[in-house]
Amino acid sequence: ENLVKRRRTQFYNNDKYNKLMNRFKQQELKRIKTFHYIYKWQFSVVILFFLSIIFFLIGLYIYHESQEVVEVTIEYDSDSKYKIFEIPKEMKQPVYIYYKISNFYYNYKQFLADESHSIHDGRRCKHIKTLEDLYKFRCI
């Protein structure tokens, strides 16, 4: 404790140090006024107003980009292999195609019989030499 007091007294004497710490704990520091503006409601309202403008502009951009999405639904109930369709709007590159499968129910149970048990014994696909072996063992 003497070492701490010695270091304090190099810069301050005990009275000045105690007064400074007392004013700091009571939030009565006059020299640091800009720090205390953060806690005033007017400053918070201004910051929240600017943030709301920024997020509103981001939302407008996302809405504008979502309006340029082209969605075409093609029924594939018939027996023909090929479907001819037209896109009603000009699209920019890149163009992504997604498909939807309806009335399709998948099995969620795990099947252990369709995988190779030699994969699970610590080796990392050393026995695969050809592409057919890759499909056979399903290692990747």
C-alpha atoms as a PDB file:
ATOM      1  CA  GLU A   1       0.000   0.000   0.000  1.00  0.00           C
ATOM      2  CA  ASN A   2       2.938   2.335   0.615  1.00  0.00           C
ATOM      3  CA  LEU A   3       4.071   1.786  -2.974  1.00  0.00           C
ATOM      4  CA  VAL A   4       0.658   2.796  -4.279  1.00  0.00           C
ATOM      5  CA  LYS A   5       0.625   5.913  -2.109  1.00  0.00           C
ATOM      6  CA  ARG A   6       4.108   6.837  -3.261  1.00  0.00           C
ATOM      7  CA  ARG A   7       3.084   6.582  -6.897  1.00  0.00           C
ATOM      8  CA  ARG A   8      -0.015   8.656  -6.247  1.00  0.00           C
ATOM      9  CA  THR A   9       1.930  11.344  -4.454  1.00  0.00           C
ATOM     10  CA  GLN A  10       4.341  11.679  -7.337  1.00  0.00           C
ATOM     11  CA  PHE A  11       1.538  13.179  -9.399  1.00  0.00           C
ATOM     12  CA  TYR A  12      -0.924  14.325  -6.754  1.00  0.00           C
ATOM     13  CA  ASN A  13      -0.832  14.844  -3.095  1.00  0.00           C
ATOM     14  CA  ASN A  14      -3.444  12.926  -1.110  1.00  0.00           C
ATOM     15  CA  ASP A  15      -5.877  15.831  -0.847  1.00  0.00           C
ATOM     16  CA  LYS A  16      -5.975  16.444  -4.600  1.00  0.00           C
ATOM     17  CA  TYR A  17      -6.274  12.746  -5.327  1.00  0.00           C
ATOM     18  CA  ASN A  18      -9.121  12.298  -2.855  1.00  0.00           C
ATOM     19  CA  LYS A  19     -10.955  15.337  -4.241  1.00  0.00           C
ATOM     20  CA  LEU A  20     -10.553  14.085  -7.808  1.00  0.00           C
ATOM     21  CA  MET A  21     -11.783  10.598  -6.956  1.00  0.00           C
ATOM     22  CA  ASN A  22     -14.687  12.013  -4.977  1.00  0.00           C
ATOM     23  CA  ARG A  23     -15.749  14.244  -7.906  1.00  0.00           C
ATOM     24  CA  PHE A  24     -15.352  11.309 -10.329  1.00  0.00           C
ATOM     25  CA  LYS A  25     -17.511   9.030  -8.197  1.00  0.00           C
ATOM     26  CA  GLN A  26     -20.153  11.730  -7.798  1.00  0.00           C
ATOM     27  CA  GLN A  27     -20.037  12.529 -11.557  1.00  0.00           C
ATOM     28  CA  GLU A  28     -19.103  16.141 -10.968  1.00  0.00           C
ATOM     29  CA  LEU A  29     -16.225  16.393 -13.435  1.00  0.00           C
ATOM     30  CA  LYS A  30     -16.444  19.741 -15.201  1.00  0.00           C
ATOM     31  CA  ARG A  31     -13.633  19.162 -17.701  1.00  0.00           C
ATOM     32  CA  ILE A  32     -15.174  16.145 -19.431  1.00  0.00           C
ATOM     33  CA  LYS A  33     -18.499  17.590 -20.576  1.00  0.00           C
ATOM     34  CA  THR A  34     -18.817  15.744 -23.907  1.00  0.00           C
ATOM     35  CA  PHE A  35     -18.919  12.364 -22.194  1.00  0.00           C
ATOM     36  CA  HIS A  36     -22.034  13.290 -20.260  1.00  0.00           C
ATOM     37  CA  TYR A  37     -23.965  14.392 -23.364  1.00  0.00           C
ATOM     38  CA  ILE A  38     -24.469  10.747 -24.267  1.00  0.00           C
ATOM     39  CA  TYR A  39     -26.822  10.264 -21.341  1.00  0.00           C
ATOM     40  CA  LYS A  40     -29.147  13.138 -22.214  1.00  0.00           C
ATOM     41  CA  TRP A  41     -32.401  12.291 -23.965  1.00  0.00           C
ATOM     42  CA  GLN A  42     -31.992  14.949 -26.664  1.00  0.00           C
ATOM     43  CA  PHE A  43     -28.738  13.400 -27.835  1.00  0.00           C
ATOM     44  CA  SER A  44     -30.298   9.930 -27.855  1.00  0.00           C
ATOM     45  CA  VAL A  45     -33.240  11.175 -29.935  1.00  0.00           C
ATOM     46  CA  VAL A  46     -30.884  12.658 -32.537  1.00  0.00           C
ATOM     47  CA  ILE A  47     -28.856   9.447 -32.795  1.00  0.00           C
ATOM     48  CA  LEU A  48     -31.995   7.299 -33.058  1.00  0.00           C
ATOM     49  CA  PHE A  49     -33.391   9.636 -35.737  1.00  0.00           C
ATOM     50  CA  PHE A  50     -30.265   9.250 -37.892  1.00  0.00           C
ATOM     51  CA  LEU A  51     -30.259   5.487 -37.367  1.00  0.00           C
ATOM     52  CA  SER A  52     -33.916   5.288 -38.392  1.00  0.00           C
ATOM     53  CA  ILE A  53     -33.163   7.207 -41.605  1.00  0.00           C
ATOM     54  CA  ILE A  54     -30.262   4.865 -42.413  1.00  0.00           C
ATOM     55  CA  PHE A  55     -32.337   1.729 -41.804  1.00  0.00           C
ATOM     56  CA  PHE A  56     -35.246   3.187 -43.797  1.00  0.00           C
ATOM     57  CA  LEU A  57     -32.935   3.709 -46.792  1.00  0.00           C
ATOM     58  CA  ILE A  58     -31.608   0.158 -46.453  1.00  0.00           C
ATOM     59  CA  GLY A  59     -35.195  -1.127 -46.365  1.00  0.00           C
ATOM     60  CA  LEU A  60     -36.082   0.856 -49.507  1.00  0.00           C
ATOM     61  CA  TYR A  61     -33.096  -0.653 -51.314  1.00  0.00           C
ATOM     62  CA  ILE A  62     -34.074  -4.192 -50.288  1.00  0.00           C
ATOM     63  CA  TYR A  63     -37.692  -3.568 -51.343  1.00  0.00           C
ATOM     64  CA  HIS A  64     -36.564  -2.204 -54.729  1.00  0.00           C
ATOM     65  CA  GLU A  65     -34.329  -5.218 -55.353  1.00  0.00           C
ATOM     66  CA  SER A  66     -37.087  -7.643 -54.364  1.00  0.00           C
ATOM     67  CA  GLN A  67     -39.475  -6.036 -56.873  1.00  0.00           C
ATOM     68  CA  GLU A  68     -37.102  -6.984 -59.715  1.00  0.00           C
ATOM     69  CA  VAL A  69     -37.414 -10.706 -58.977  1.00  0.00           C
ATOM     70  CA  VAL A  70     -39.120 -12.606 -61.794  1.00  0.00           C
ATOM     71  CA  GLU A  71     -41.154 -15.631 -60.762  1.00  0.00           C
ATOM     72  CA  VAL A  72     -42.566 -18.039 -63.345  1.00  0.00           C
ATOM     73  CA  THR A  73     -44.602 -21.090 -62.352  1.00  0.00           C
ATOM     74  CA  ILE A  74     -44.708 -24.018 -64.778  1.00  0.00           C
ATOM     75  CA  GLU A  75     -47.006 -26.975 -64.242  1.00  0.00           C
ATOM     76  CA  TYR A  76     -45.243 -30.260 -64.937  1.00  0.00           C
ATOM     77  CA  ASP A  77     -48.140 -32.673 -64.538  1.00  0.00           C
ATOM     78  CA  SER A  78     -48.185 -33.754 -68.181  1.00  0.00           C
ATOM     79  CA  ASP A  79     -46.098 -36.564 -69.638  1.00  0.00           C
ATOM     80  CA  SER A  80     -43.991 -34.424 -71.960  1.00  0.00           C
ATOM     81  CA  LYS A  81     -40.267 -34.279 -71.277  1.00  0.00           C
ATOM     82  CA  TYR A  82     -39.739 -30.703 -72.403  1.00  0.00           C
ATOM     83  CA  LYS A  83     -41.456 -27.535 -71.297  1.00  0.00           C
ATOM     84  CA  ILE A  84     -41.484 -24.309 -73.294  1.00  0.00           C
ATOM     85  CA  PHE A  85     -42.038 -21.101 -71.363  1.00  0.00           C
ATOM     86  CA  GLU A  86     -41.541 -17.368 -71.730  1.00  0.00           C
ATOM     87  CA  ILE A  87     -40.077 -14.896 -69.283  1.00  0.00           C
ATOM     88  CA  PRO A  88     -42.280 -11.762 -69.165  1.00  0.00           C
ATOM     89  CA  LYS A  89     -39.519  -9.386 -68.098  1.00  0.00           C
ATOM     90  CA  GLU A  90     -35.943  -8.594 -69.093  1.00  0.00           C
ATOM     91  CA  MET A  91     -33.480  -9.938 -66.520  1.00  0.00           C
ATOM     92  CA  LYS A  92     -29.936  -8.945 -65.663  1.00  0.00           C
ATOM     93  CA  GLN A  93     -27.120 -11.416 -65.194  1.00  0.00           C
ATOM     94  CA  PRO A  94     -26.664 -13.635 -63.224  1.00  0.00           C
ATOM     95  CA  VAL A  95     -29.929 -15.556 -63.529  1.00  0.00           C
ATOM     96  CA  TYR A  96     -30.733 -18.156 -60.871  1.00  0.00           C
ATOM     97  CA  ILE A  97     -33.287 -20.909 -61.371  1.00  0.00           C
ATOM     98  CA  TYR A  98     -35.056 -22.566 -58.455  1.00  0.00           C
ATOM     99  CA  TYR A  99     -37.632 -25.308 -58.610  1.00  0.00           C
ATOM    100  CA  LYS A 100     -40.415 -26.279 -56.293  1.00  0.00           C
ATOM    101  CA  ILE A 101     -41.674 -29.788 -55.661  1.00  0.00           C
ATOM    102  CA  SER A 102     -45.162 -29.954 -54.218  1.00  0.00           C
ATOM    103  CA  ASN A 103     -47.052 -32.911 -52.728  1.00  0.00           C
ATOM    104  CA  PHE A 104     -43.783 -34.689 -52.116  1.00  0.00           C
ATOM    105  CA  TYR A 105     -43.214 -36.404 -48.802  1.00  0.00           C
ATOM    106  CA  TYR A 106     -39.791 -37.617 -47.867  1.00  0.00           C
ATOM    107  CA  ASN A 107     -38.771 -40.186 -45.340  1.00  0.00           C
ATOM    108  CA  TYR A 108     -36.948 -38.643 -42.410  1.00  0.00           C
ATOM    109  CA  LYS A 109     -35.669 -41.885 -40.903  1.00  0.00           C
ATOM    110  CA  GLN A 110     -32.012 -42.749 -41.158  1.00  0.00           C
ATOM    111  CA  PHE A 111     -31.013 -45.785 -43.142  1.00  0.00           C
ATOM    112  CA  LEU A 112     -27.820 -47.449 -42.025  1.00  0.00           C
ATOM    113  CA  ALA A 113     -27.784 -50.224 -44.615  1.00  0.00           C
ATOM    114  CA  ASP A 114     -26.986 -48.025 -47.627  1.00  0.00           C
ATOM    115  CA  GLU A 115     -23.596 -46.787 -46.448  1.00  0.00           C
ATOM    116  CA  SER A 116     -20.270 -48.484 -46.238  1.00  0.00           C
ATOM    117  CA  HIS A 117     -19.176 -49.387 -42.713  1.00  0.00           C
ATOM    118  CA  SER A 118     -15.534 -49.386 -43.776  1.00  0.00           C
ATOM    119  CA  ILE A 119     -15.676 -45.600 -43.877  1.00  0.00           C
ATOM    120  CA  HIS A 120     -16.264 -45.380 -40.136  1.00  0.00           C
ATOM    121  CA  ASP A 121     -13.211 -47.325 -39.012  1.00  0.00           C
ATOM    122  CA  GLY A 122     -10.839 -44.345 -39.071  1.00  0.00           C
ATOM    123  CA  ARG A 123      -9.656 -44.400 -42.679  1.00  0.00           C
ATOM    124  CA  ARG A 124     -10.232 -41.435 -44.956  1.00  0.00           C
ATOM    125  CA  CYS A 125     -11.261 -42.835 -48.370  1.00  0.00           C
ATOM    126  CA  LYS A 126      -7.959 -44.531 -49.152  1.00  0.00           C
ATOM    127  CA  HIS A 127      -9.677 -47.387 -50.957  1.00  0.00           C
ATOM    128  CA  ILE A 128     -11.263 -45.197 -53.680  1.00  0.00           C
ATOM    129  CA  LYS A 129      -9.436 -45.407 -56.990  1.00  0.00           C
ATOM    130  CA  THR A 130     -12.080 -44.624 -59.627  1.00  0.00           C
ATOM    131  CA  LEU A 131     -15.191 -42.514 -59.976  1.00  0.00           C
ATOM    132  CA  GLU A 132     -17.369 -45.611 -59.694  1.00  0.00           C
ATOM    133  CA  ASP A 133     -15.797 -46.349 -56.306  1.00  0.00           C
ATOM    134  CA  LEU A 134     -16.727 -42.851 -55.201  1.00  0.00           C
ATOM    135  CA  TYR A 135     -20.396 -43.476 -55.992  1.00  0.00           C
ATOM    136  CA  LYS A 136     -20.218 -46.944 -54.501  1.00  0.00           C
ATOM    137  CA  PHE A 137     -18.807 -45.939 -51.122  1.00  0.00           C
ATOM    138  CA  ARG A 138     -20.293 -42.413 -50.901  1.00  0.00           C
ATOM    139  CA  CYS A 139     -17.280 -41.107 -49.091  1.00  0.00           C
ATOM    140  CA  ILE A 140     -17.681 -37.444 -49.955  1.00  0.00           C
END
